[in-house]
Amino acid sequence: TTKPLDFDTQTEFEFSYDLAVAPEVNLTVDKGI
């Protein structure tokens, strides 16, 4: 969704980035496995 940038005329710049967050691992290994 980031809008096109014009480095020749703009004096302020706004960027938007997406991050993929790693899922939480809920695991304990025991004799039941």
All heavy atoms as atom14 arrays in JSON, in Angstrom:
{
  "sequence": "TTKPLDFDTQTEFEFSYDLAVAPEVNLTVDKGI",
  "atom14_mask": [
    [1, 1, 1, 1, 1, 1, 1, 0, 0, 0, 0, 0, 0, 0],
    [1, 1, 1, 1, 1, 1, 1, 0, 0, 0, 0, 0, 0, 0],
    [1, 1, 1, 1, 1, 1, 1, 1, 1, 0, 0, 0, 0, 0],
    [1, 1, 1, 1, 1, 1, 1, 0, 0, 0, 0, 0, 0, 0],
    [1, 1, 1, 1, 1, 1, 1, 1, 0, 0, 0, 0, 0, 0],
    [1, 1, 1, 1, 1, 1, 1, 1, 0, 0, 0, 0, 0, 0],
    [1, 1, 1, 1, 1, 1, 1, 1, 1, 1, 1, 0, 0, 0],
    [1, 1, 1, 1, 1, 1, 1, 1, 0, 0, 0, 0, 0, 0],
    [1, 1, 1, 1, 1, 1, 1, 0, 0, 0, 0, 0, 0, 0],
    [1, 1, 1, 1, 1, 1, 1, 1, 1, 0, 0, 0, 0, 0],
    [1, 1, 1, 1, 1, 1, 1, 0, 0, 0, 0, 0, 0, 0],
    [1, 1, 1, 1, 1, 1, 1, 1, 1, 0, 0, 0, 0, 0],
    [1, 1, 1, 1, 1, 1, 1, 1, 1, 1, 1, 0, 0, 0],
    [1, 1, 1, 1, 1, 1, 1, 1, 1, 0, 0, 0, 0, 0],
    [1, 1, 1, 1, 1, 1, 1, 1, 1, 1, 1, 0, 0, 0],
    [1, 1, 1, 1, 1, 1, 0, 0, 0, 0, 0, 0, 0, 0],
    [1, 1, 1, 1, 1, 1, 1, 1, 1, 1, 1, 1, 0, 0],
    [1, 1, 1, 1, 1, 1, 1, 1, 0, 0, 0, 0, 0, 0],
    [1, 1, 1, 1, 1, 1, 1, 1, 0, 0, 0, 0, 0, 0],
    [1, 1, 1, 1, 1, 0, 0, 0, 0, 0, 0, 0, 0, 0],
    [1, 1, 1, 1, 1, 1, 1, 0, 0, 0, 0, 0, 0, 0],
    [1, 1, 1, 1, 1, 0, 0, 0, 0, 0, 0, 0, 0, 0],
    [1, 1, 1, 1, 1, 1, 1, 0, 0, 0, 0, 0, 0, 0],
    [1, 1, 1, 1, 1, 1, 1, 1, 1, 0, 0, 0, 0, 0],
    [1, 1, 1, 1, 1, 1, 1, 0, 0, 0, 0, 0, 0, 0],
    [1, 1, 1, 1, 1, 1, 1, 1, 0, 0, 0, 0, 0, 0],
    [1, 1, 1, 1, 1, 1, 1, 1, 0, 0, 0, 0, 0, 0],
    [1, 1, 1, 1, 1, 1, 1, 0, 0, 0, 0, 0, 0, 0],
    [1, 1, 1, 1, 1, 1, 1, 0, 0, 0, 0, 0, 0, 0],
    [1, 1, 1, 1, 1, 1, 1, 1, 0, 0, 0, 0, 0, 0],
    [1, 1, 1, 1, 1, 1, 1, 1, 1, 0, 0, 0, 0, 0],
    [1, 1, 1, 1, 0, 0, 0, 0, 0, 0, 0, 0, 0, 0],
    [1, 1, 1, 1, 1, 1, 1, 1, 0, 0, 0, 0, 0, 0]
  ],
  "atom14_positions": [
    [[0.82, -1.22, 0.0], [0.0, 0.0, 0.0], [0.85, 1.27, 0.0], [0.31, 2.38, 0.01], [-0.92, 0.01, 1.23], [-0.11, -0.02, 2.43], [-1.85, -1.2, 1.23], [0.0, 0.0, 0.0], [0.0, 0.0, 0.0], [0.0, 0.0, 0.0], [0.0, 0.0, 0.0], [0.0, 0.0, 0.0], [0.0, 0.0, 0.0], [0.0, 0.0, 0.0]],
    [[2.2, 1.11, 0.02], [3.07, 2.29, 0.03], [2.86, 3.12, -1.23], [2.85, 2.59, -2.35], [4.55, 1.85, 0.13], [4.74, 1.12, 1.35], [5.47, 3.06, 0.13], [0.0, 0.0, 0.0], [0.0, 0.0, 0.0], [0.0, 0.0, 0.0], [0.0, 0.0, 0.0], [0.0, 0.0, 0.0], [0.0, 0.0, 0.0], [0.0, 0.0, 0.0]],
    [[2.71, 4.42, -1.04], [2.49, 5.32, -2.18], [3.81, 5.58, -2.9], [4.88, 5.57, -2.29], [1.9, 6.65, -1.69], [0.52, 6.5, -1.05], [0.04, 7.84, -0.53], [-1.33, 7.69, 0.14], [-1.82, 8.98, 0.7], [0.0, 0.0, 0.0], [0.0, 0.0, 0.0], [0.0, 0.0, 0.0], [0.0, 0.0, 0.0], [0.0, 0.0, 0.0]],
    [[3.76, 5.86, -4.21], [4.98, 6.19, -4.96], [5.67, 7.41, -4.38], [5.02, 8.33, -3.87], [4.46, 6.45, -6.37], [3.15, 5.76, -6.44], [2.56, 5.84, -5.06], [0.0, 0.0, 0.0], [0.0, 0.0, 0.0], [0.0, 0.0, 0.0], [0.0, 0.0, 0.0], [0.0, 0.0, 0.0], [0.0, 0.0, 0.0], [0.0, 0.0, 0.0]],
    [[6.99, 7.42, -4.42], [7.78, 8.52, -3.86], [8.41, 9.35, -4.97], [8.79, 8.82, -6.01], [8.88, 7.97, -2.94], [8.4, 7.1, -1.76], [9.58, 6.48, -1.05], [7.57, 7.93, -0.79], [0.0, 0.0, 0.0], [0.0, 0.0, 0.0], [0.0, 0.0, 0.0], [0.0, 0.0, 0.0], [0.0, 0.0, 0.0], [0.0, 0.0, 0.0]],
    [[8.52, 10.64, -4.73], [9.17, 11.55, -5.67], [10.34, 12.22, -4.94], [10.16, 13.18, -4.19], [8.2, 12.6, -6.18], [8.82, 13.49, -7.26], [10.05, 13.42, -7.45], [8.07, 14.25, -7.9], [0.0, 0.0, 0.0], [0.0, 0.0, 0.0], [0.0, 0.0, 0.0], [0.0, 0.0, 0.0], [0.0, 0.0, 0.0], [0.0, 0.0, 0.0]],
    [[11.53, 11.68, -5.12], [12.7, 12.19, -4.41], [13.14, 13.55, -4.92], [13.93, 14.23, -4.27], [13.85, 11.18, -4.5], [13.59, 9.91, -3.73], [13.18, 8.75, -4.38], [13.74, 9.87, -2.36], [12.94, 7.59, -3.67], [13.5, 8.71, -1.64], [13.1, 7.56, -2.29], [0.0, 0.0, 0.0], [0.0, 0.0, 0.0], [0.0, 0.0, 0.0]],
    [[12.66, 13.97, -6.07], [13.06, 15.28, -6.61], [12.3, 16.42, -5.97], [12.81, 17.54, -5.85], [12.83, 15.3, -8.13], [13.79, 14.38, -8.86], [14.93, 14.22, -8.37], [13.4, 13.81, -9.89], [0.0, 0.0, 0.0], [0.0, 0.0, 0.0], [0.0, 0.0, 0.0], [0.0, 0.0, 0.0], [0.0, 0.0, 0.0], [0.0, 0.0, 0.0]],
    [[11.04, 16.17, -5.54], [10.22, 17.27, -5.04], [9.82, 17.12, -3.57], [9.61, 18.12, -2.88], [8.93, 17.39, -5.88], [8.2, 16.17, -5.79], [9.27, 17.69, -7.34], [0.0, 0.0, 0.0], [0.0, 0.0, 0.0], [0.0, 0.0, 0.0], [0.0, 0.0, 0.0], [0.0, 0.0, 0.0], [0.0, 0.0, 0.0], [0.0, 0.0, 0.0]],
    [[9.73, 15.89, -3.07], [9.3, 15.7, -1.69], [10.4, 16.07, -0.7], [11.59, 15.88, -0.98], [8.89, 14.24, -1.45], [7.54, 13.88, -2.05], [7.17, 12.44, -1.77], [6.92, 11.67, -2.7], [7.13, 12.06, -0.5], [0.0, 0.0, 0.0], [0.0, 0.0, 0.0], [0.0, 0.0, 0.0], [0.0, 0.0, 0.0], [0.0, 0.0, 0.0]],
    [[9.97, 16.61, 0.46], [10.92, 16.91, 1.53], [10.67, 16.01, 2.75], [11.51, 15.92, 3.64], [10.81, 18.38, 1.96], [9.45, 18.64, 2.35], [11.23, 19.29, 0.82], [0.0, 0.0, 0.0], [0.0, 0.0, 0.0], [0.0, 0.0, 0.0], [0.0, 0.0, 0.0], [0.0, 0.0, 0.0], [0.0, 0.0, 0.0], [0.0, 0.0, 0.0]],
    [[9.51, 15.39, 2.8], [9.2, 14.43, 3.86], [8.78, 13.11, 3.21], [8.1, 13.12, 2.18], [8.08, 14.95, 4.77], [8.47, 16.19, 5.57], [7.38, 16.62, 6.52], [6.3, 15.95, 6.53], [7.57, 17.59, 7.26], [0.0, 0.0, 0.0], [0.0, 0.0, 0.0], [0.0, 0.0, 0.0], [0.0, 0.0, 0.0], [0.0, 0.0, 0.0]],
    [[9.19, 12.02, 3.84], [8.93, 10.69, 3.26], [8.35, 9.76, 4.31], [8.81, 9.73, 5.45], [10.22, 10.1, 2.7], [10.9, 10.98, 1.69], [11.84, 11.92, 2.08], [10.59, 10.87, 0.35], [12.46, 12.74, 1.16], [11.2, 11.68, -0.6], [12.15, 12.62, -0.19], [0.0, 0.0, 0.0], [0.0, 0.0, 0.0], [0.0, 0.0, 0.0]],
    [[7.35, 9.05, 3.9], [6.73, 8.08, 4.81], [6.77, 6.7, 4.16], [6.4, 6.55, 2.99], [5.28, 8.47, 5.1], [4.61, 7.52, 6.08], [3.2, 7.99, 6.43], [3.05, 9.11, 6.94], [2.26, 7.22, 6.16], [0.0, 0.0, 0.0], [0.0, 0.0, 0.0], [0.0, 0.0, 0.0], [0.0, 0.0, 0.0], [0.0, 0.0, 0.0]],
    [[7.24, 5.72, 4.94], [7.36, 4.36, 4.43], [6.53, 3.42, 5.29], [6.4, 3.62, 6.51], [8.82, 3.89, 4.46], [9.73, 4.71, 3.58], [10.37, 5.84, 4.08], [9.95, 4.35, 2.27], [11.21, 6.59, 3.28], [10.79, 5.09, 1.46], [11.42, 6.22, 1.96], [0.0, 0.0, 0.0], [0.0, 0.0, 0.0], [0.0, 0.0, 0.0]],
    [[6.0, 2.4, 4.66], [5.24, 1.39, 5.38], [5.83, 0.02, 5.06], [6.01, -0.32, 3.88], [3.76, 1.45, 4.95], [3.02, 0.44, 5.61], [0.0, 0.0, 0.0], [0.0, 0.0, 0.0], [0.0, 0.0, 0.0], [0.0, 0.0, 0.0], [0.0, 0.0, 0.0], [0.0, 0.0, 0.0], [0.0, 0.0, 0.0], [0.0, 0.0, 0.0]],
    [[6.13, -0.74, 6.1], [6.74, -2.06, 5.91], [5.9, -3.13, 6.6], [5.28, -2.9, 7.64], [8.17, -2.08, 6.47], [9.2, -1.67, 5.44], [9.34, -0.35, 5.05], [10.0, -2.63, 4.84], [10.26, 0.02, 4.08], [10.93, -2.27, 3.87], [11.05, -0.95, 3.5], [11.96, -0.6, 2.53], [0.0, 0.0, 0.0], [0.0, 0.0, 0.0]],
    [[5.93, -4.31, 6.0], [5.25, -5.47, 6.58], [6.29, -6.38, 7.25], [7.36, -6.62, 6.69], [4.54, -6.28, 5.49], [3.44, -5.47, 4.81], [2.9, -4.57, 5.47], [3.13, -5.76, 3.64], [0.0, 0.0, 0.0], [0.0, 0.0, 0.0], [0.0, 0.0, 0.0], [0.0, 0.0, 0.0], [0.0, 0.0, 0.0], [0.0, 0.0, 0.0]],
    [[5.94, -6.86, 8.42], [6.77, -7.83, 9.13], [5.98, -9.11, 9.31], [4.79, -9.07, 9.62], [7.18, -7.31, 10.52], [8.0, -6.03, 10.63], [8.28, -5.73, 12.09], [9.29, -6.16, 9.86], [0.0, 0.0, 0.0], [0.0, 0.0, 0.0], [0.0, 0.0, 0.0], [0.0, 0.0, 0.0], [0.0, 0.0, 0.0], [0.0, 0.0, 0.0]],
    [[6.64, -10.24, 9.14], [6.02, -11.53, 9.45], [6.5, -11.96, 10.83], [7.69, -12.18, 11.04], [6.4, -12.57, 8.41], [0.0, 0.0, 0.0], [0.0, 0.0, 0.0], [0.0, 0.0, 0.0], [0.0, 0.0, 0.0], [0.0, 0.0, 0.0], [0.0, 0.0, 0.0], [0.0, 0.0, 0.0], [0.0, 0.0, 0.0], [0.0, 0.0, 0.0]],
    [[5.6, -12.03, 11.77], [5.96, -12.38, 13.15], [5.92, -13.89, 13.32], [4.93, -14.54, 12.95], [4.99, -11.7, 14.14], [5.37, -12.05, 15.58], [5.0, -10.19, 13.94], [0.0, 0.0, 0.0], [0.0, 0.0, 0.0], [0.0, 0.0, 0.0], [0.0, 0.0, 0.0], [0.0, 0.0, 0.0], [0.0, 0.0, 0.0], [0.0, 0.0, 0.0]],
    [[7.0, -14.44, 13.86], [7.07, -15.89, 14.07], [6.03, -16.32, 15.1], [5.87, -15.66, 16.14], [8.47, -16.28, 14.54], [0.0, 0.0, 0.0], [0.0, 0.0, 0.0], [0.0, 0.0, 0.0], [0.0, 0.0, 0.0], [0.0, 0.0, 0.0], [0.0, 0.0, 0.0], [0.0, 0.0, 0.0], [0.0, 0.0, 0.0], [0.0, 0.0, 0.0]],
    [[5.32, -17.39, 14.84], [4.32, -17.88, 15.81], [4.99, -18.4, 17.07], [6.12, -18.88, 17.03], [3.61, -18.99, 15.05], [4.61, -19.48, 14.06], [5.41, -18.28, 13.66], [0.0, 0.0, 0.0], [0.0, 0.0, 0.0], [0.0, 0.0, 0.0], [0.0, 0.0, 0.0], [0.0, 0.0, 0.0], [0.0, 0.0, 0.0], [0.0, 0.0, 0.0]],
    [[4.28, -18.3, 18.19], [4.79, -18.84, 19.44], [4.73, -20.36, 19.41], [3.74, -20.95, 18.99], [3.96, -18.33, 20.62], [4.23, -16.89, 21.0], [5.64, -16.68, 21.53], [6.14, -17.58, 22.24], [6.25, -15.64, 21.22], [0.0, 0.0, 0.0], [0.0, 0.0, 0.0], [0.0, 0.0, 0.0], [0.0, 0.0, 0.0], [0.0, 0.0, 0.0]],
    [[5.82, -20.99, 19.84], [5.87, -22.46, 19.89], [5.56, -22.89, 21.32], [6.31, -22.58, 22.26], [7.25, -22.99, 19.47], [7.26, -24.51, 19.51], [7.61, -22.49, 18.07], [0.0, 0.0, 0.0], [0.0, 0.0, 0.0], [0.0, 0.0, 0.0], [0.0, 0.0, 0.0], [0.0, 0.0, 0.0], [0.0, 0.0, 0.0], [0.0, 0.0, 0.0]],
    [[4.45, -23.59, 21.47], [4.07, -24.09, 22.79], [4.28, -25.6, 22.8], [3.4, -26.38, 22.42], [2.61, -23.74, 23.08], [2.17, -24.17, 24.47], [3.01, -24.41, 25.34], [0.88, -24.28, 24.67], [0.0, 0.0, 0.0], [0.0, 0.0, 0.0], [0.0, 0.0, 0.0], [0.0, 0.0, 0.0], [0.0, 0.0, 0.0], [0.0, 0.0, 0.0]],
    [[5.49, -26.01, 23.2], [5.84, -27.44, 23.12], [6.77, -27.83, 24.25], [7.75, -27.15, 24.53], [6.52, -27.73, 21.78], [7.11, -29.14, 21.61], [6.0, -30.18, 21.54], [7.99, -29.22, 20.37], [0.0, 0.0, 0.0], [0.0, 0.0, 0.0], [0.0, 0.0, 0.0], [0.0, 0.0, 0.0], [0.0, 0.0, 0.0], [0.0, 0.0, 0.0]],
    [[6.42, -28.93, 24.91], [7.31, -29.56, 25.89], [7.43, -31.02, 25.5], [6.41, -31.72, 25.35], [6.77, -29.43, 27.31], [6.65, -28.05, 27.65], [7.7, -30.12, 28.31], [0.0, 0.0, 0.0], [0.0, 0.0, 0.0], [0.0, 0.0, 0.0], [0.0, 0.0, 0.0], [0.0, 0.0, 0.0], [0.0, 0.0, 0.0], [0.0, 0.0, 0.0]],
    [[8.65, -31.49, 25.31], [8.87, -32.88, 24.93], [9.0, -33.72, 26.19], [9.79, -33.38, 27.09], [10.14, -33.04, 24.06], [10.33, -34.5, 23.67], [10.03, -32.16, 22.81], [0.0, 0.0, 0.0], [0.0, 0.0, 0.0], [0.0, 0.0, 0.0], [0.0, 0.0, 0.0], [0.0, 0.0, 0.0], [0.0, 0.0, 0.0], [0.0, 0.0, 0.0]],
    [[8.21, -34.8, 26.29], [8.27, -35.69, 27.45], [7.98, -37.12, 27.01], [7.85, -37.41, 25.82], [7.29, -35.22, 28.55], [5.87, -35.06, 28.0], [5.52, -35.78, 27.04], [5.12, -34.22, 28.52], [0.0, 0.0, 0.0], [0.0, 0.0, 0.0], [0.0, 0.0, 0.0], [0.0, 0.0, 0.0], [0.0, 0.0, 0.0], [0.0, 0.0, 0.0]],
    [[7.83, -38.01, 27.98], [7.62, -39.43, 27.68], [6.29, -39.67, 26.97], [6.08, -40.74, 26.37], [7.66, -40.26, 28.98], [9.04, -40.33, 29.62], [10.02, -41.07, 28.72], [11.41, -41.16, 29.34], [12.38, -41.79, 28.43], [0.0, 0.0, 0.0], [0.0, 0.0, 0.0], [0.0, 0.0, 0.0], [0.0, 0.0, 0.0], [0.0, 0.0, 0.0]],
    [[5.41, -38.7, 27.03], [4.13, -38.87, 26.35], [4.24, -38.81, 24.84], [3.32, -39.22, 24.12], [0.0, 0.0, 0.0], [0.0, 0.0, 0.0], [0.0, 0.0, 0.0], [0.0, 0.0, 0.0], [0.0, 0.0, 0.0], [0.0, 0.0, 0.0], [0.0, 0.0, 0.0], [0.0, 0.0, 0.0], [0.0, 0.0, 0.0], [0.0, 0.0, 0.0]],
    [[5.36, -38.31, 24.34], [5.59, -38.25, 22.89], [6.32, -39.52, 22.46], [7.43, -39.79, 22.92], [6.4, -37.0, 22.52], [5.59, -35.74, 22.82], [6.8, -37.03, 21.05], [6.3, -34.44, 22.54], [0.0, 0.0, 0.0], [0.0, 0.0, 0.0], [0.0, 0.0, 0.0], [0.0, 0.0, 0.0], [0.0, 0.0, 0.0], [0.0, 0.0, 0.0]]
  ]
}
